[in-house]
Amino acid sequence: MTGNRLGQVAAPAAAGLGAGAVGAAAPFVLLGAQLLVSSGVAVRPLNGAGAHGPVAGRRSEGPALRRTGDI
C-alpha cells in the first residue's frame, strides 16, 4: 500500500519535472513508448511455445504427467 501511494505522488511529480525540462510532449512520448514495450511483452508467449508447438528440444509433458495406463 505504501508503494501504491508513493507512486501516486511520485509519478505526476516526475511527469511535471520532465515536462518542465524537456517540453510538454515528453511525458506523452515516454508513456507511448512504455505502452508499446508492454504490449510487445504481453503478446509474446510465456513458455516459448508458439503456434507450432513447444520449442524444439523440449518435451511438452514430463514423465510424471504422462499416462501409462497403470493405475
N, C-alpha and C. Protein backbone atom coordinates (compact mmCIF):
# COMPACT_ATOMS: atom_id res chain seq x y z
N MET A 1 0.82 -1.18 0.00
CA MET A 1 0.00 0.00 0.00
C MET A 1 0.87 1.27 0.00
N THR A 2 1.97 1.18 0.69
CA THR A 2 2.88 2.33 0.73
C THR A 2 3.45 2.62 -0.65
N GLY A 3 3.84 1.55 -1.37
CA GLY A 3 4.37 1.74 -2.73
C GLY A 3 3.33 2.33 -3.67
N ASN A 4 2.08 1.93 -3.49
CA ASN A 4 1.00 2.47 -4.31
C ASN A 4 0.84 3.97 -4.07
N ARG A 5 0.80 4.35 -2.84
CA ARG A 5 0.65 5.78 -2.51
C ARG A 5 1.86 6.59 -2.95
N LEU A 6 3.04 6.00 -2.81
CA LEU A 6 4.25 6.70 -3.25
C LEU A 6 4.22 6.90 -4.76
N GLY A 7 3.76 5.89 -5.50
CA GLY A 7 3.65 6.02 -6.95
C GLY A 7 2.63 7.06 -7.35
N GLN A 8 1.54 7.17 -6.59
CA GLN A 8 0.52 8.18 -6.90
C GLN A 8 1.05 9.59 -6.72
N VAL A 9 2.02 9.76 -5.85
CA VAL A 9 2.61 11.08 -5.63
C VAL A 9 3.80 11.30 -6.56
N ALA A 10 4.63 10.27 -6.74
CA ALA A 10 5.88 10.43 -7.48
C ALA A 10 5.66 10.51 -8.99
N ALA A 11 4.70 9.77 -9.54
CA ALA A 11 4.51 9.75 -11.00
C ALA A 11 4.11 11.12 -11.54
N PRO A 12 3.12 11.79 -10.98
CA PRO A 12 2.80 13.13 -11.50
C PRO A 12 3.92 14.15 -11.29
N ALA A 13 4.62 14.01 -10.17
CA ALA A 13 5.74 14.92 -9.92
C ALA A 13 6.85 14.71 -10.95
N ALA A 14 7.16 13.45 -11.26
CA ALA A 14 8.19 13.15 -12.26
C ALA A 14 7.75 13.61 -13.64
N ALA A 15 6.48 13.42 -13.97
CA ALA A 15 5.98 13.89 -15.27
C ALA A 15 6.05 15.40 -15.36
N GLY A 16 5.76 16.09 -14.29
CA GLY A 16 5.85 17.55 -14.27
C GLY A 16 7.28 18.03 -14.44
N LEU A 17 8.21 17.36 -13.77
CA LEU A 17 9.62 17.72 -13.92
C LEU A 17 10.09 17.47 -15.35
N GLY A 18 9.68 16.34 -15.93
CA GLY A 18 10.06 16.04 -17.31
C GLY A 18 9.47 17.03 -18.29
N ALA A 19 8.21 17.41 -18.07
CA ALA A 19 7.57 18.38 -18.95
C ALA A 19 8.23 19.74 -18.85
N GLY A 20 8.64 20.10 -17.64
CA GLY A 20 9.30 21.39 -17.46
C GLY A 20 10.68 21.43 -18.07
N ALA A 21 11.39 20.30 -18.02
CA ALA A 21 12.77 20.27 -18.52
C ALA A 21 12.85 20.07 -20.02
N VAL A 22 11.99 19.22 -20.58
CA VAL A 22 12.13 18.84 -21.99
C VAL A 22 11.03 19.44 -22.85
N GLY A 23 9.88 19.60 -22.31
CA GLY A 23 8.75 20.10 -23.08
C GLY A 23 7.49 19.35 -22.69
N ALA A 24 6.36 19.89 -23.05
CA ALA A 24 5.09 19.32 -22.61
C ALA A 24 4.78 17.99 -23.27
N ALA A 25 5.35 17.70 -24.42
CA ALA A 25 5.06 16.45 -25.12
C ALA A 25 5.89 15.28 -24.61
N ALA A 26 6.95 15.52 -23.86
CA ALA A 26 7.85 14.45 -23.42
C ALA A 26 7.16 13.37 -22.60
N PRO A 27 6.33 13.68 -21.61
CA PRO A 27 5.67 12.60 -20.85
C PRO A 27 4.77 11.74 -21.73
N PHE A 28 4.12 12.33 -22.72
CA PHE A 28 3.24 11.56 -23.60
C PHE A 28 4.04 10.63 -24.50
N VAL A 29 5.19 11.10 -24.98
CA VAL A 29 6.05 10.26 -25.81
C VAL A 29 6.59 9.10 -24.97
N LEU A 30 7.01 9.37 -23.75
CA LEU A 30 7.52 8.34 -22.86
C LEU A 30 6.44 7.31 -22.54
N LEU A 31 5.25 7.75 -22.23
CA LEU A 31 4.15 6.83 -21.93
C LEU A 31 3.79 6.00 -23.16
N GLY A 32 3.82 6.58 -24.34
CA GLY A 32 3.56 5.83 -25.57
C GLY A 32 4.61 4.75 -25.80
N ALA A 33 5.87 5.07 -25.54
CA ALA A 33 6.94 4.09 -25.69
C ALA A 33 6.78 2.95 -24.68
N GLN A 34 6.42 3.28 -23.45
CA GLN A 34 6.19 2.25 -22.44
C GLN A 34 5.01 1.37 -22.81
N LEU A 35 3.98 1.93 -23.41
CA LEU A 35 2.83 1.15 -23.85
C LEU A 35 3.21 0.18 -24.96
N LEU A 36 4.03 0.62 -25.90
CA LEU A 36 4.48 -0.26 -26.97
C LEU A 36 5.32 -1.42 -26.43
N VAL A 37 6.22 -1.12 -25.50
CA VAL A 37 7.06 -2.18 -24.92
C VAL A 37 6.20 -3.17 -24.14
N SER A 38 5.28 -2.67 -23.32
CA SER A 38 4.46 -3.57 -22.51
C SER A 38 3.52 -4.40 -23.38
N SER A 39 3.01 -3.85 -24.47
CA SER A 39 2.15 -4.64 -25.35
C SER A 39 2.96 -5.70 -26.07
N GLY A 40 4.20 -5.42 -26.41
CA GLY A 40 5.05 -6.44 -27.01
C GLY A 40 5.36 -7.57 -26.05
N VAL A 41 5.57 -7.25 -24.79
CA VAL A 41 5.81 -8.28 -23.79
C VAL A 41 4.54 -9.10 -23.55
N ALA A 42 3.39 -8.47 -23.56
CA ALA A 42 2.14 -9.17 -23.31
C ALA A 42 1.77 -10.12 -24.44
N VAL A 43 2.15 -9.82 -25.67
CA VAL A 43 1.81 -10.66 -26.81
C VAL A 43 2.75 -11.86 -26.91
N ARG A 44 3.95 -11.74 -26.42
CA ARG A 44 4.95 -12.81 -26.50
C ARG A 44 4.50 -14.03 -25.69
N PRO A 45 4.66 -15.25 -26.21
CA PRO A 45 4.29 -16.44 -25.44
C PRO A 45 5.16 -16.58 -24.19
N LEU A 46 4.58 -17.05 -23.11
CA LEU A 46 5.30 -17.13 -21.85
C LEU A 46 6.27 -18.30 -21.79
N ASN A 47 5.92 -19.45 -22.37
CA ASN A 47 6.76 -20.64 -22.24
C ASN A 47 7.58 -20.94 -23.47
N GLY A 48 7.60 -20.05 -24.43
CA GLY A 48 8.37 -20.27 -25.64
C GLY A 48 7.61 -21.06 -26.69
N ALA A 49 6.41 -21.52 -26.38
CA ALA A 49 5.61 -22.26 -27.35
C ALA A 49 4.84 -21.29 -28.21
N GLY A 50 4.96 -21.43 -29.50
CA GLY A 50 4.24 -20.55 -30.41
C GLY A 50 3.09 -21.29 -31.05
N ALA A 51 2.73 -20.89 -32.25
CA ALA A 51 1.62 -21.52 -32.95
C ALA A 51 1.97 -22.93 -33.40
N HIS A 52 3.26 -23.26 -33.46
CA HIS A 52 3.68 -24.56 -33.96
C HIS A 52 4.07 -25.51 -32.84
N GLY A 53 3.72 -25.24 -31.62
CA GLY A 53 4.01 -26.16 -30.51
C GLY A 53 5.20 -25.70 -29.70
N PRO A 54 5.71 -26.61 -28.87
CA PRO A 54 6.81 -26.24 -27.97
C PRO A 54 8.11 -26.00 -28.72
N VAL A 55 9.04 -25.39 -28.05
CA VAL A 55 10.35 -25.10 -28.62
C VAL A 55 11.06 -26.42 -28.89
N ALA A 56 11.79 -26.49 -29.99
CA ALA A 56 12.48 -27.72 -30.37
C ALA A 56 13.42 -28.16 -29.25
N GLY A 57 13.40 -29.45 -28.97
CA GLY A 57 14.27 -29.99 -27.93
C GLY A 57 13.60 -30.09 -26.58
N ARG A 58 12.48 -29.46 -26.40
CA ARG A 58 11.77 -29.53 -25.13
C ARG A 58 10.62 -30.52 -25.25
N ARG A 59 10.39 -31.26 -24.19
CA ARG A 59 9.24 -32.14 -24.16
C ARG A 59 8.07 -31.38 -23.60
N SER A 60 6.89 -31.61 -24.14
CA SER A 60 5.73 -30.84 -23.72
C SER A 60 5.15 -31.33 -22.40
N GLU A 61 5.48 -32.56 -22.00
CA GLU A 61 4.99 -33.06 -20.71
C GLU A 61 6.08 -33.90 -20.08
N GLY A 62 6.15 -33.85 -18.79
CA GLY A 62 7.16 -34.60 -18.06
C GLY A 62 6.71 -36.04 -17.84
N PRO A 63 7.61 -36.90 -17.35
CA PRO A 63 7.26 -38.29 -17.13
C PRO A 63 6.14 -38.46 -16.10
N ALA A 64 6.07 -37.55 -15.14
CA ALA A 64 5.04 -37.67 -14.11
C ALA A 64 3.66 -37.37 -14.68
N LEU A 65 3.58 -36.62 -15.77
CA LEU A 65 2.30 -36.25 -16.34
C LEU A 65 1.84 -37.21 -17.44
N ARG A 66 2.72 -38.05 -17.91
CA ARG A 66 2.40 -38.96 -18.99
C ARG A 66 1.54 -40.10 -18.47
N ARG A 67 0.47 -40.43 -19.18
CA ARG A 67 -0.41 -41.51 -18.76
C ARG A 67 0.18 -42.84 -19.25
N THR A 68 0.27 -43.76 -18.34
CA THR A 68 0.83 -45.06 -18.71
C THR A 68 -0.24 -46.14 -18.76
N GLY A 69 -1.40 -45.91 -18.21
CA GLY A 69 -2.44 -46.92 -18.15
C GLY A 69 -2.33 -47.79 -16.90
N ASP A 70 -1.27 -47.64 -16.15
CA ASP A 70 -1.08 -48.43 -14.91
C ASP A 70 -1.61 -47.62 -13.74
N ILE A 71 -2.85 -47.79 -13.42
CA ILE A 71 -3.44 -47.04 -12.30
C ILE A 71 -3.68 -47.97 -11.15
